[in-house]
Amino acid sequence: MRKLTKEILAQMIAEEKVKLNEERSLEKVAAQVPEVDASQFGGHLVHKIDYIKALKIKEAKLQRSLERIQEESARVKKVLMEEL
């Protein structure tokens, strides 16, 4: 057991004050945020999912294009090596 001194008691009180101030500030912030029905976010998520799908399609096209470029580059290097 520790002896309860003035310094320890003052420190404990200061810590509790900080905790109370944090709780109050969180309550103030929560009071300012409007409540929104979850169904309103559904459409937003659908748009993001559609966007991701579109990006994947675009990525696949770019990947095929990159493969063609790499094949052409390899072919040109092979021809160049044969000519030397």
N, C-alpha and C. Protein backbone atom coordinates (compact mmCIF):
# COMPACT_ATOMS: atom_id res chain seq x y z
N MET A 1 0.83 -1.17 0.00
CA MET A 1 0.00 0.00 0.00
C MET A 1 0.88 1.25 0.00
N ARG A 2 0.37 2.26 -0.69
CA ARG A 2 1.08 3.54 -0.71
C ARG A 2 0.39 4.50 0.24
N LYS A 3 1.20 5.38 0.72
CA LYS A 3 0.68 6.42 1.59
C LYS A 3 0.09 7.53 0.73
N LEU A 4 -1.09 7.96 1.08
CA LEU A 4 -1.77 9.00 0.31
C LEU A 4 -1.27 10.38 0.78
N THR A 5 -0.45 10.98 -0.08
CA THR A 5 0.10 12.29 0.26
C THR A 5 -0.65 13.38 -0.49
N LYS A 6 -0.35 14.62 -0.15
CA LYS A 6 -1.00 15.75 -0.83
C LYS A 6 -0.67 15.75 -2.32
N GLU A 7 0.58 15.40 -2.65
CA GLU A 7 1.02 15.41 -4.05
C GLU A 7 0.29 14.33 -4.85
N ILE A 8 0.20 13.14 -4.26
CA ILE A 8 -0.49 12.04 -4.95
C ILE A 8 -1.97 12.37 -5.14
N LEU A 9 -2.58 12.92 -4.11
CA LEU A 9 -3.99 13.30 -4.19
C LEU A 9 -4.20 14.38 -5.25
N ALA A 10 -3.31 15.37 -5.29
CA ALA A 10 -3.42 16.44 -6.29
C ALA A 10 -3.26 15.87 -7.70
N GLN A 11 -2.35 14.92 -7.86
CA GLN A 11 -2.15 14.30 -9.17
C GLN A 11 -3.39 13.52 -9.59
N MET A 12 -3.98 12.78 -8.66
CA MET A 12 -5.19 12.02 -8.97
C MET A 12 -6.33 12.94 -9.39
N ILE A 13 -6.47 14.06 -8.69
CA ILE A 13 -7.52 15.01 -9.01
C ILE A 13 -7.28 15.62 -10.39
N ALA A 14 -6.05 15.95 -10.69
CA ALA A 14 -5.72 16.52 -12.00
C ALA A 14 -6.04 15.53 -13.12
N GLU A 15 -5.71 14.25 -12.91
CA GLU A 15 -6.01 13.22 -13.91
C GLU A 15 -7.51 13.10 -14.13
N GLU A 16 -8.28 13.13 -13.06
CA GLU A 16 -9.73 13.03 -13.19
C GLU A 16 -10.31 14.24 -13.91
N LYS A 17 -9.75 15.42 -13.67
CA LYS A 17 -10.21 16.62 -14.37
C LYS A 17 -10.00 16.47 -15.88
N VAL A 18 -8.84 15.95 -16.25
CA VAL A 18 -8.53 15.76 -17.67
C VAL A 18 -9.53 14.78 -18.28
N LYS A 19 -9.81 13.69 -17.57
CA LYS A 19 -10.76 12.69 -18.08
C LYS A 19 -12.15 13.31 -18.27
N LEU A 20 -12.59 14.09 -17.28
CA LEU A 20 -13.90 14.72 -17.37
C LEU A 20 -13.97 15.71 -18.54
N ASN A 21 -12.91 16.49 -18.73
CA ASN A 21 -12.88 17.44 -19.85
C ASN A 21 -12.93 16.71 -21.19
N GLU A 22 -12.24 15.59 -21.29
CA GLU A 22 -12.27 14.81 -22.53
C GLU A 22 -13.67 14.29 -22.79
N GLU A 23 -14.31 13.77 -21.75
CA GLU A 23 -15.67 13.25 -21.91
C GLU A 23 -16.63 14.35 -22.34
N ARG A 24 -16.50 15.52 -21.74
CA ARG A 24 -17.38 16.64 -22.10
C ARG A 24 -17.16 17.08 -23.54
N SER A 25 -15.89 17.12 -23.94
CA SER A 25 -15.61 17.55 -25.32
C SER A 25 -16.15 16.52 -26.31
N LEU A 26 -16.06 15.23 -25.97
CA LEU A 26 -16.61 14.20 -26.84
C LEU A 26 -18.13 14.31 -26.93
N GLU A 27 -18.76 14.62 -25.81
CA GLU A 27 -20.22 14.79 -25.81
C GLU A 27 -20.63 15.98 -26.67
N LYS A 28 -19.85 17.07 -26.60
CA LYS A 28 -20.14 18.24 -27.43
C LYS A 28 -20.03 17.91 -28.90
N VAL A 29 -18.99 17.19 -29.25
CA VAL A 29 -18.79 16.82 -30.66
C VAL A 29 -19.92 15.90 -31.11
N ALA A 30 -20.27 14.94 -30.28
CA ALA A 30 -21.36 14.01 -30.62
C ALA A 30 -22.68 14.75 -30.79
N ALA A 31 -22.89 15.78 -30.01
CA ALA A 31 -24.13 16.55 -30.11
C ALA A 31 -24.19 17.35 -31.41
N GLN A 32 -23.03 17.72 -31.96
CA GLN A 32 -22.99 18.52 -33.18
C GLN A 32 -23.17 17.67 -34.44
N VAL A 33 -22.87 16.39 -34.35
CA VAL A 33 -22.96 15.51 -35.52
C VAL A 33 -24.42 15.08 -35.70
N PRO A 34 -24.98 15.34 -36.87
CA PRO A 34 -26.37 14.94 -37.08
C PRO A 34 -26.49 13.43 -37.25
N GLU A 35 -27.60 12.89 -36.75
CA GLU A 35 -27.85 11.47 -36.92
C GLU A 35 -28.38 11.22 -38.32
N VAL A 36 -27.86 10.16 -38.93
CA VAL A 36 -28.25 9.82 -40.30
C VAL A 36 -28.67 8.36 -40.33
N ASP A 37 -29.73 8.09 -41.06
CA ASP A 37 -30.21 6.73 -41.20
C ASP A 37 -29.20 5.93 -42.01
N ALA A 38 -28.95 4.70 -41.62
CA ALA A 38 -27.94 3.86 -42.29
C ALA A 38 -28.31 3.58 -43.75
N SER A 39 -29.58 3.60 -44.08
CA SER A 39 -29.99 3.31 -45.45
C SER A 39 -29.48 4.37 -46.43
N GLN A 40 -29.18 5.56 -45.94
CA GLN A 40 -28.68 6.62 -46.81
C GLN A 40 -27.26 6.34 -47.28
N PHE A 41 -26.52 5.54 -46.53
CA PHE A 41 -25.15 5.24 -46.91
C PHE A 41 -25.05 4.09 -47.92
N GLY A 42 -26.11 3.34 -48.08
CA GLY A 42 -26.10 2.21 -48.99
C GLY A 42 -25.76 2.61 -50.42
N GLY A 43 -26.40 3.65 -50.91
CA GLY A 43 -26.14 4.11 -52.27
C GLY A 43 -24.72 4.60 -52.43
N HIS A 44 -24.22 5.24 -51.42
CA HIS A 44 -22.84 5.75 -51.44
C HIS A 44 -21.85 4.59 -51.58
N LEU A 45 -22.09 3.52 -50.82
CA LEU A 45 -21.21 2.35 -50.90
C LEU A 45 -21.30 1.68 -52.25
N VAL A 46 -22.50 1.64 -52.82
CA VAL A 46 -22.68 1.02 -54.13
C VAL A 46 -21.87 1.78 -55.18
N HIS A 47 -21.88 3.10 -55.10
CA HIS A 47 -21.12 3.90 -56.06
C HIS A 47 -19.63 3.63 -55.93
N LYS A 48 -19.15 3.49 -54.70
CA LYS A 48 -17.73 3.21 -54.49
C LYS A 48 -17.37 1.82 -55.02
N ILE A 49 -18.23 0.86 -54.79
CA ILE A 49 -17.98 -0.50 -55.29
C ILE A 49 -17.97 -0.50 -56.81
N ASP A 50 -18.91 0.20 -57.42
CA ASP A 50 -18.92 0.30 -58.88
C ASP A 50 -17.65 0.96 -59.40
N TYR A 51 -17.19 1.97 -58.72
CA TYR A 51 -15.97 2.66 -59.11
C TYR A 51 -14.77 1.73 -59.03
N ILE A 52 -14.71 0.91 -57.98
CA ILE A 52 -13.62 -0.05 -57.84
C ILE A 52 -13.67 -1.06 -58.97
N LYS A 53 -14.86 -1.53 -59.32
CA LYS A 53 -14.99 -2.48 -60.43
C LYS A 53 -14.51 -1.86 -61.73
N ALA A 54 -14.88 -0.60 -61.96
CA ALA A 54 -14.44 0.09 -63.18
C ALA A 54 -12.93 0.23 -63.20
N LEU A 55 -12.36 0.52 -62.04
CA LEU A 55 -10.89 0.63 -61.97
C LEU A 55 -10.22 -0.71 -62.25
N LYS A 56 -10.82 -1.79 -61.78
CA LYS A 56 -10.25 -3.12 -62.05
C LYS A 56 -10.29 -3.44 -63.53
N ILE A 57 -11.40 -3.06 -64.19
CA ILE A 57 -11.51 -3.28 -65.64
C ILE A 57 -10.44 -2.48 -66.36
N LYS A 58 -10.28 -1.22 -65.97
CA LYS A 58 -9.26 -0.37 -66.58
C LYS A 58 -7.86 -0.93 -66.32
N GLU A 59 -7.64 -1.44 -65.11
CA GLU A 59 -6.35 -2.02 -64.77
C GLU A 59 -6.06 -3.24 -65.64
N ALA A 60 -7.08 -4.06 -65.88
CA ALA A 60 -6.90 -5.25 -66.71
C ALA A 60 -6.53 -4.85 -68.14
N LYS A 61 -7.18 -3.80 -68.67
CA LYS A 61 -6.87 -3.34 -70.01
C LYS A 61 -5.43 -2.82 -70.08
N LEU A 62 -5.04 -2.05 -69.08
CA LEU A 62 -3.68 -1.53 -69.05
C LEU A 62 -2.65 -2.66 -68.90
N GLN A 63 -3.01 -3.68 -68.15
CA GLN A 63 -2.12 -4.83 -67.98
C GLN A 63 -1.91 -5.55 -69.30
N ARG A 64 -3.00 -5.73 -70.07
CA ARG A 64 -2.87 -6.37 -71.39
C ARG A 64 -2.01 -5.51 -72.31
N SER A 65 -2.23 -4.21 -72.25
CA SER A 65 -1.44 -3.30 -73.07
C SER A 65 0.03 -3.38 -72.69
N LEU A 66 0.33 -3.43 -71.41
CA LEU A 66 1.70 -3.55 -70.95
C LEU A 66 2.32 -4.86 -71.42
N GLU A 67 1.57 -5.93 -71.36
CA GLU A 67 2.09 -7.22 -71.83
C GLU A 67 2.44 -7.16 -73.31
N ARG A 68 1.57 -6.51 -74.12
CA ARG A 68 1.87 -6.38 -75.55
C ARG A 68 3.14 -5.56 -75.77
N ILE A 69 3.28 -4.50 -75.02
CA ILE A 69 4.48 -3.66 -75.14
C ILE A 69 5.72 -4.44 -74.74
N GLN A 70 5.64 -5.22 -73.68
CA GLN A 70 6.78 -6.01 -73.25
C GLN A 70 7.14 -7.08 -74.28
N GLU A 71 6.11 -7.70 -74.88
CA GLU A 71 6.36 -8.70 -75.92
C GLU A 71 7.05 -8.06 -77.12
N GLU A 72 6.55 -6.90 -77.52
CA GLU A 72 7.14 -6.19 -78.66
C GLU A 72 8.58 -5.79 -78.35
N SER A 73 8.82 -5.32 -77.14
CA SER A 73 10.17 -4.94 -76.73
C SER A 73 11.10 -6.14 -76.76
N ALA A 74 10.64 -7.28 -76.28
CA ALA A 74 11.46 -8.50 -76.30
C ALA A 74 11.74 -8.91 -77.73
N ARG A 75 10.73 -8.78 -78.61
CA ARG A 75 10.93 -9.16 -80.01
C ARG A 75 11.96 -8.26 -80.68
N VAL A 76 11.87 -6.96 -80.41
CA VAL A 76 12.82 -6.02 -81.00
C VAL A 76 14.24 -6.30 -80.48
N LYS A 77 14.39 -6.59 -79.21
CA LYS A 77 15.70 -6.91 -78.64
C LYS A 77 16.28 -8.17 -79.29
N LYS A 78 15.39 -9.16 -79.50
CA LYS A 78 15.84 -10.41 -80.10
C LYS A 78 16.34 -10.15 -81.53
N VAL A 79 15.58 -9.37 -82.30
CA VAL A 79 15.98 -9.04 -83.67
C VAL A 79 17.29 -8.26 -83.66
N LEU A 80 17.41 -7.34 -82.73
CA LEU A 80 18.62 -6.52 -82.63
C LEU A 80 19.83 -7.40 -82.30
N MET A 81 19.68 -8.34 -81.40
CA MET A 81 20.77 -9.24 -81.02
C MET A 81 21.19 -10.12 -82.19
N GLU A 82 20.21 -10.54 -82.99
CA GLU A 82 20.52 -11.39 -84.15
C GLU A 82 21.29 -10.61 -85.21
N GLU A 83 20.98 -9.31 -85.36
CA GLU A 83 21.65 -8.48 -86.35
C GLU A 83 23.09 -8.17 -85.94
N LEU A 84 23.39 -8.18 -84.67
CA LEU A 84 24.74 -7.89 -84.21
C LEU A 84 25.54 -9.13 -84.37
